[in-house]
Amino acid sequence: MTGFISLSQMLDSFVILHPPYRFNAQSVLIGGWEFDFYLGLVGFAFMVYFGVIKSWINQKTYRSLYLPMLVMVFFSLGDMYRPLFYSPIPFMDSQRAPTRFIIIPVIFLITLASIQFESSIKHWDWINGRKKS
């Protein structure tokens, strides 16, 4: 099984909820759970804004996580993982569906987004509706 056909299909899997079974580009019946990581538009925007943008700006210690996450995303696209799958490297042939690689970066980004959102909430004065100095 190949990974996401394109980057737009990957982004589509976060925003649009698909039926459990559908046909891929090669007219093969596939399980939608292999390609759906539904967060919704608000959840995806939350993950990108707080997990990527705010975390990159505010937390320099987490920047070293972005390269491994990009590598995992890269391997979940198309047939990028196929050479490693057929290589003699131990345990590289254990993952049948490369689309599953994206779940690790998503979990990390949601965790980073939660940390940044919590720090944003701590700096907000809820009674007067303005930022604390």
N, C-alpha and C. Protein backbone atom coordinates (compact mmCIF):
# COMPACT_ATOMS: atom_id res chain seq x y z
N MET A 1 0.85 -1.18 0.00
CA MET A 1 0.00 0.00 0.00
C MET A 1 0.90 1.24 0.00
N THR A 2 0.52 2.21 -0.77
CA THR A 2 1.30 3.44 -0.84
C THR A 2 0.80 4.44 0.19
N GLY A 3 1.54 5.51 0.32
CA GLY A 3 1.15 6.57 1.23
C GLY A 3 0.17 7.52 0.57
N PHE A 4 0.08 8.72 1.10
CA PHE A 4 -0.79 9.74 0.51
C PHE A 4 -0.31 10.04 -0.90
N ILE A 5 -1.25 10.19 -1.81
CA ILE A 5 -0.89 10.44 -3.21
C ILE A 5 -0.27 11.82 -3.37
N SER A 6 -0.77 12.80 -2.63
CA SER A 6 -0.24 14.16 -2.73
C SER A 6 -0.34 14.84 -1.37
N LEU A 7 0.28 15.99 -1.28
CA LEU A 7 0.21 16.80 -0.07
C LEU A 7 -1.20 17.31 0.16
N SER A 8 -1.92 17.60 -0.93
CA SER A 8 -3.30 18.06 -0.78
C SER A 8 -4.20 16.94 -0.23
N GLN A 9 -3.95 15.69 -0.61
CA GLN A 9 -4.73 14.59 -0.05
C GLN A 9 -4.42 14.44 1.44
N MET A 10 -3.18 14.68 1.83
CA MET A 10 -2.81 14.61 3.24
C MET A 10 -3.54 15.69 4.04
N LEU A 11 -3.53 16.91 3.54
CA LEU A 11 -4.23 18.01 4.21
C LEU A 11 -5.74 17.77 4.23
N ASP A 12 -6.24 17.20 3.16
CA ASP A 12 -7.66 16.85 3.07
C ASP A 12 -8.06 15.84 4.14
N SER A 13 -7.16 14.94 4.49
CA SER A 13 -7.48 13.93 5.50
C SER A 13 -7.64 14.52 6.89
N PHE A 14 -7.11 15.71 7.13
CA PHE A 14 -7.26 16.37 8.42
C PHE A 14 -8.57 17.16 8.52
N VAL A 15 -9.09 17.61 7.41
CA VAL A 15 -10.20 18.56 7.42
C VAL A 15 -11.54 17.94 7.01
N ILE A 16 -11.52 16.93 6.15
CA ILE A 16 -12.76 16.34 5.64
C ILE A 16 -12.89 14.90 6.14
N LEU A 17 -14.05 14.58 6.67
CA LEU A 17 -14.31 13.23 7.15
C LEU A 17 -14.84 12.39 5.99
N HIS A 18 -14.15 11.32 5.65
CA HIS A 18 -14.50 10.46 4.52
C HIS A 18 -15.23 9.21 5.02
N PRO A 19 -15.95 8.54 4.12
CA PRO A 19 -16.62 7.29 4.51
C PRO A 19 -15.58 6.21 4.85
N PRO A 20 -15.98 5.18 5.58
CA PRO A 20 -15.01 4.16 6.00
C PRO A 20 -14.37 3.40 4.85
N TYR A 21 -15.08 3.24 3.75
CA TYR A 21 -14.52 2.57 2.57
C TYR A 21 -14.66 3.49 1.38
N ARG A 22 -13.61 3.54 0.55
CA ARG A 22 -13.65 4.34 -0.67
C ARG A 22 -12.63 3.79 -1.66
N PHE A 23 -12.67 4.32 -2.87
CA PHE A 23 -11.74 3.90 -3.91
C PHE A 23 -10.61 4.91 -4.01
N ASN A 24 -9.39 4.43 -4.17
CA ASN A 24 -8.26 5.34 -4.37
C ASN A 24 -8.11 5.66 -5.86
N ALA A 25 -7.03 6.33 -6.23
CA ALA A 25 -6.83 6.77 -7.62
C ALA A 25 -6.69 5.60 -8.58
N GLN A 26 -6.29 4.43 -8.09
CA GLN A 26 -6.14 3.26 -8.95
C GLN A 26 -7.41 2.40 -8.94
N SER A 27 -8.52 2.93 -8.45
CA SER A 27 -9.82 2.24 -8.38
C SER A 27 -9.76 0.97 -7.54
N VAL A 28 -9.00 1.02 -6.47
CA VAL A 28 -8.90 -0.09 -5.54
C VAL A 28 -9.65 0.29 -4.27
N LEU A 29 -10.48 -0.61 -3.78
CA LEU A 29 -11.24 -0.36 -2.57
C LEU A 29 -10.29 -0.38 -1.37
N ILE A 30 -10.28 0.72 -0.63
CA ILE A 30 -9.39 0.84 0.52
C ILE A 30 -10.20 1.22 1.75
N GLY A 31 -9.62 0.98 2.91
CA GLY A 31 -10.25 1.41 4.16
C GLY A 31 -9.94 2.87 4.40
N GLY A 32 -10.95 3.65 4.67
CA GLY A 32 -10.75 5.08 4.91
C GLY A 32 -9.95 5.38 6.15
N TRP A 33 -9.94 4.45 7.10
CA TRP A 33 -9.20 4.68 8.34
C TRP A 33 -7.69 4.77 8.09
N GLU A 34 -7.22 4.24 6.98
CA GLU A 34 -5.79 4.35 6.67
C GLU A 34 -5.42 5.76 6.20
N PHE A 35 -6.40 6.52 5.75
CA PHE A 35 -6.12 7.83 5.19
C PHE A 35 -6.77 8.98 5.95
N ASP A 36 -7.56 8.72 6.97
CA ASP A 36 -8.26 9.79 7.67
C ASP A 36 -7.65 10.05 9.04
N PHE A 37 -7.30 11.29 9.25
CA PHE A 37 -6.80 11.78 10.53
C PHE A 37 -7.60 13.01 10.89
N TYR A 38 -8.91 12.87 10.90
CA TYR A 38 -9.84 13.99 10.98
C TYR A 38 -9.67 14.78 12.28
N LEU A 39 -9.40 16.07 12.12
CA LEU A 39 -9.36 17.02 13.22
C LEU A 39 -10.41 18.11 13.04
N GLY A 40 -10.89 18.27 11.84
CA GLY A 40 -11.80 19.37 11.52
C GLY A 40 -10.98 20.61 11.20
N LEU A 41 -11.64 21.60 10.65
CA LEU A 41 -10.94 22.83 10.25
C LEU A 41 -10.41 23.58 11.46
N VAL A 42 -11.22 23.69 12.51
CA VAL A 42 -10.80 24.40 13.72
C VAL A 42 -9.66 23.66 14.41
N GLY A 43 -9.76 22.35 14.52
CA GLY A 43 -8.71 21.56 15.15
C GLY A 43 -7.40 21.61 14.36
N PHE A 44 -7.51 21.56 13.04
CA PHE A 44 -6.31 21.65 12.21
C PHE A 44 -5.67 23.03 12.33
N ALA A 45 -6.48 24.09 12.33
CA ALA A 45 -5.95 25.44 12.50
C ALA A 45 -5.31 25.60 13.87
N PHE A 46 -5.93 25.03 14.90
CA PHE A 46 -5.36 25.06 16.26
C PHE A 46 -4.00 24.38 16.27
N MET A 47 -3.91 23.20 15.66
CA MET A 47 -2.66 22.45 15.64
C MET A 47 -1.56 23.21 14.89
N VAL A 48 -1.91 23.81 13.76
CA VAL A 48 -0.91 24.53 12.97
C VAL A 48 -0.48 25.81 13.67
N TYR A 49 -1.46 26.59 14.17
CA TYR A 49 -1.11 27.88 14.78
C TYR A 49 -0.33 27.70 16.09
N PHE A 50 -0.89 26.93 17.02
CA PHE A 50 -0.23 26.79 18.31
C PHE A 50 0.89 25.75 18.28
N GLY A 51 0.75 24.70 17.51
CA GLY A 51 1.75 23.64 17.48
C GLY A 51 2.95 23.94 16.62
N VAL A 52 2.76 24.68 15.55
CA VAL A 52 3.89 24.98 14.66
C VAL A 52 4.34 26.43 14.83
N ILE A 53 3.46 27.37 14.60
CA ILE A 53 3.87 28.79 14.57
C ILE A 53 4.26 29.29 15.95
N LYS A 54 3.34 29.20 16.92
CA LYS A 54 3.63 29.71 18.26
C LYS A 54 4.74 28.92 18.94
N SER A 55 4.77 27.63 18.74
CA SER A 55 5.82 26.82 19.34
C SER A 55 7.18 27.14 18.75
N TRP A 56 7.24 27.38 17.46
CA TRP A 56 8.50 27.74 16.81
C TRP A 56 9.00 29.09 17.32
N ILE A 57 8.10 30.02 17.51
CA ILE A 57 8.49 31.36 17.98
C ILE A 57 8.88 31.35 19.45
N ASN A 58 8.10 30.70 20.29
CA ASN A 58 8.27 30.80 21.74
C ASN A 58 9.20 29.77 22.36
N GLN A 59 9.30 28.58 21.80
CA GLN A 59 10.07 27.51 22.43
C GLN A 59 11.20 27.04 21.52
N LYS A 60 12.38 27.56 21.73
CA LYS A 60 13.52 27.15 20.91
C LYS A 60 13.97 25.72 21.24
N THR A 61 13.63 25.23 22.44
CA THR A 61 14.05 23.87 22.82
C THR A 61 13.32 22.80 22.02
N TYR A 62 12.14 23.10 21.51
CA TYR A 62 11.37 22.11 20.75
C TYR A 62 11.70 22.11 19.26
N ARG A 63 12.52 23.02 18.82
CA ARG A 63 12.82 23.11 17.38
C ARG A 63 13.50 21.86 16.84
N SER A 64 14.21 21.15 17.68
CA SER A 64 14.90 19.94 17.21
C SER A 64 13.91 18.82 16.86
N LEU A 65 12.66 18.93 17.28
CA LEU A 65 11.65 17.92 16.96
C LEU A 65 11.09 18.06 15.56
N TYR A 66 11.22 19.23 14.97
CA TYR A 66 10.57 19.47 13.68
C TYR A 66 11.21 18.68 12.53
N LEU A 67 12.51 18.49 12.55
CA LEU A 67 13.15 17.72 11.47
C LEU A 67 12.70 16.26 11.47
N PRO A 68 12.72 15.55 12.60
CA PRO A 68 12.19 14.17 12.56
C PRO A 68 10.72 14.11 12.17
N MET A 69 9.93 15.11 12.58
CA MET A 69 8.52 15.11 12.18
C MET A 69 8.39 15.30 10.68
N LEU A 70 9.20 16.17 10.09
CA LEU A 70 9.16 16.35 8.64
C LEU A 70 9.59 15.09 7.90
N VAL A 71 10.56 14.36 8.43
CA VAL A 71 10.98 13.10 7.82
C VAL A 71 9.84 12.09 7.84
N MET A 72 9.11 12.02 8.96
CA MET A 72 7.97 11.10 9.05
C MET A 72 6.88 11.49 8.04
N VAL A 73 6.63 12.79 7.90
CA VAL A 73 5.64 13.25 6.92
C VAL A 73 6.11 12.92 5.51
N PHE A 74 7.39 13.10 5.24
CA PHE A 74 7.96 12.80 3.93
C PHE A 74 7.75 11.32 3.57
N PHE A 75 7.99 10.43 4.53
CA PHE A 75 7.83 9.00 4.27
C PHE A 75 6.38 8.58 4.13
N SER A 76 5.44 9.41 4.58
CA SER A 76 4.03 9.06 4.43
C SER A 76 3.46 9.48 3.08
N LEU A 77 4.25 10.15 2.25
CA LEU A 77 3.79 10.59 0.92
C LEU A 77 4.19 9.58 -0.15
N GLY A 78 3.24 9.23 -0.98
CA GLY A 78 3.50 8.41 -2.17
C GLY A 78 4.25 7.13 -1.89
N ASP A 79 5.26 6.87 -2.70
CA ASP A 79 6.09 5.67 -2.57
C ASP A 79 7.46 5.98 -1.98
N MET A 80 7.56 7.02 -1.21
CA MET A 80 8.86 7.43 -0.66
C MET A 80 9.44 6.37 0.28
N TYR A 81 8.59 5.63 0.95
CA TYR A 81 9.06 4.63 1.92
C TYR A 81 9.38 3.28 1.27
N ARG A 82 8.95 3.08 0.05
CA ARG A 82 9.11 1.77 -0.60
C ARG A 82 10.57 1.29 -0.65
N PRO A 83 11.59 2.12 -0.97
CA PRO A 83 12.97 1.60 -0.97
C PRO A 83 13.42 1.10 0.41
N LEU A 84 12.99 1.76 1.48
CA LEU A 84 13.35 1.30 2.82
C LEU A 84 12.58 0.04 3.19
N PHE A 85 11.35 -0.07 2.69
CA PHE A 85 10.52 -1.24 2.99
C PHE A 85 11.17 -2.50 2.43
N TYR A 86 11.74 -2.42 1.24
CA TYR A 86 12.36 -3.58 0.60
C TYR A 86 13.85 -3.70 0.89
N SER A 87 14.39 -2.86 1.74
CA SER A 87 15.81 -2.92 2.06
C SER A 87 16.07 -4.03 3.08
N PRO A 88 17.32 -4.45 3.21
CA PRO A 88 17.63 -5.51 4.19
C PRO A 88 17.77 -4.98 5.62
N ILE A 89 17.43 -3.73 5.87
CA ILE A 89 17.54 -3.16 7.21
C ILE A 89 16.48 -3.78 8.10
N PRO A 90 16.87 -4.30 9.26
CA PRO A 90 15.89 -4.96 10.14
C PRO A 90 14.76 -4.01 10.58
N PHE A 91 13.56 -4.55 10.68
CA PHE A 91 12.34 -3.88 11.14
C PHE A 91 11.81 -2.80 10.18
N MET A 92 12.46 -2.55 9.07
CA MET A 92 11.97 -1.54 8.14
C MET A 92 10.80 -2.05 7.31
N ASP A 93 10.61 -3.36 7.27
CA ASP A 93 9.49 -3.91 6.50
C ASP A 93 8.27 -4.19 7.38
N SER A 94 8.27 -3.64 8.57
CA SER A 94 7.16 -3.94 9.49
C SER A 94 5.95 -3.03 9.29
N GLN A 95 6.12 -1.90 8.66
CA GLN A 95 5.00 -0.96 8.49
C GLN A 95 4.42 -1.13 7.10
N ARG A 96 3.21 -1.63 7.02
CA ARG A 96 2.58 -1.92 5.72
C ARG A 96 2.01 -0.66 5.08
N ALA A 97 1.45 0.24 5.87
CA ALA A 97 0.80 1.44 5.33
C ALA A 97 1.57 2.69 5.77
N PRO A 98 2.31 3.31 4.86
CA PRO A 98 3.09 4.49 5.23
C PRO A 98 2.26 5.68 5.73
N THR A 99 0.95 5.66 5.47
CA THR A 99 0.13 6.77 5.98
C THR A 99 0.11 6.80 7.50
N ARG A 100 0.43 5.70 8.13
CA ARG A 100 0.46 5.65 9.60
C ARG A 100 1.63 6.44 10.18
N PHE A 101 2.63 6.74 9.36
CA PHE A 101 3.76 7.51 9.85
C PHE A 101 3.36 8.89 10.33
N ILE A 102 2.30 9.43 9.81
CA ILE A 102 1.93 10.80 10.12
C ILE A 102 1.32 10.94 11.51
N ILE A 103 0.91 9.86 12.14
CA ILE A 103 0.27 9.97 13.45
C ILE A 103 1.26 10.45 14.52
N ILE A 104 2.51 10.09 14.42
CA ILE A 104 3.51 10.54 15.41
C ILE A 104 3.70 12.06 15.35
N PRO A 105 3.91 12.67 14.16
CA PRO A 105 3.99 14.13 14.13
C PRO A 105 2.71 14.82 14.59
N VAL A 106 1.56 14.22 14.28
CA VAL A 106 0.28 14.83 14.71
C VAL A 106 0.19 14.83 16.24
N ILE A 107 0.57 13.74 16.87
CA ILE A 107 0.53 13.68 18.33
C ILE A 107 1.48 14.70 18.94
N PHE A 108 2.68 14.82 18.39
CA PHE A 108 3.62 15.80 18.90
C PHE A 108 3.12 17.22 18.70
N LEU A 109 2.54 17.51 17.53
CA LEU A 109 2.04 18.85 17.28
C LEU A 109 0.85 19.20 18.17
N ILE A 110 -0.02 18.25 18.43
CA ILE A 110 -1.14 18.51 19.33
C ILE A 110 -0.62 18.75 20.75
N THR A 111 0.39 18.00 21.17
CA THR A 111 0.99 18.22 22.49
C THR A 111 1.64 19.59 22.57
N LEU A 112 2.42 19.96 21.56
CA LEU A 112 3.05 21.29 21.54
C LEU A 112 2.00 22.39 21.49
N ALA A 113 0.92 22.16 20.74
CA ALA A 113 -0.16 23.15 20.67
C ALA A 113 -0.82 23.33 22.02
N SER A 114 -1.01 22.25 22.74
CA SER A 114 -1.62 22.34 24.07
C SER A 114 -0.73 23.10 25.04
N ILE A 115 0.57 22.87 24.97
CA ILE A 115 1.50 23.59 25.83
C ILE A 115 1.46 25.08 25.53
N GLN A 116 1.49 25.44 24.24
CA GLN A 116 1.46 26.86 23.87
C GLN A 116 0.12 27.50 24.19
N PHE A 117 -0.96 26.78 24.02
CA PHE A 117 -2.28 27.32 24.34
C PHE A 117 -2.41 27.57 25.84
N GLU A 118 -1.89 26.65 26.64
CA GLU A 118 -1.94 26.84 28.09
C GLU A 118 -1.13 28.06 28.52
N SER A 119 0.04 28.25 27.94
CA SER A 119 0.83 29.43 28.29
C SER A 119 0.15 30.71 27.81
N SER A 120 -0.58 30.66 26.72
CA SER A 120 -1.34 31.83 26.26
C SER A 120 -2.48 32.15 27.21
N ILE A 121 -3.13 31.12 27.72
CA ILE A 121 -4.23 31.32 28.67
C ILE A 121 -3.72 31.92 29.97
N LYS A 122 -2.54 31.52 30.41
CA LYS A 122 -1.98 32.03 31.67
C LYS A 122 -1.70 33.54 31.58
N HIS A 123 -1.46 34.05 30.39
CA HIS A 123 -1.14 35.47 30.22
C HIS A 123 -2.37 36.32 29.93
N TRP A 124 -3.53 35.78 30.06
CA TRP A 124 -4.76 36.51 29.73
C TRP A 124 -5.53 36.83 31.01
N ASP A 125 -5.92 38.07 31.15
CA ASP A 125 -6.71 38.49 32.30
C ASP A 125 -8.17 38.32 31.93
N TRP A 126 -8.82 37.27 32.46
CA TRP A 126 -10.17 36.92 32.06
C TRP A 126 -11.21 37.90 32.59
N ILE A 127 -10.93 38.62 33.66
CA ILE A 127 -11.92 39.54 34.23
C ILE A 127 -12.04 40.80 33.39
N ASN A 128 -10.90 41.40 33.03
CA ASN A 128 -10.92 42.63 32.26
C ASN A 128 -10.84 42.42 30.75
N GLY A 129 -10.54 41.20 30.32
CA GLY A 129 -10.51 40.88 28.89
C GLY A 129 -9.33 41.45 28.15
N ARG A 130 -8.20 41.58 28.83
CA ARG A 130 -6.99 42.08 28.14
C ARG A 130 -5.77 41.34 28.66
N LYS A 131 -4.66 41.47 27.98
CA LYS A 131 -3.45 40.76 28.37
C LYS A 131 -2.86 41.37 29.63
N LYS A 132 -2.26 40.50 30.45
CA LYS A 132 -1.55 40.96 31.64
C LYS A 132 -0.20 41.52 31.21
N SER A 133 0.30 42.46 31.96
CA SER A 133 1.61 43.04 31.66
C SER A 133 2.72 42.19 32.22
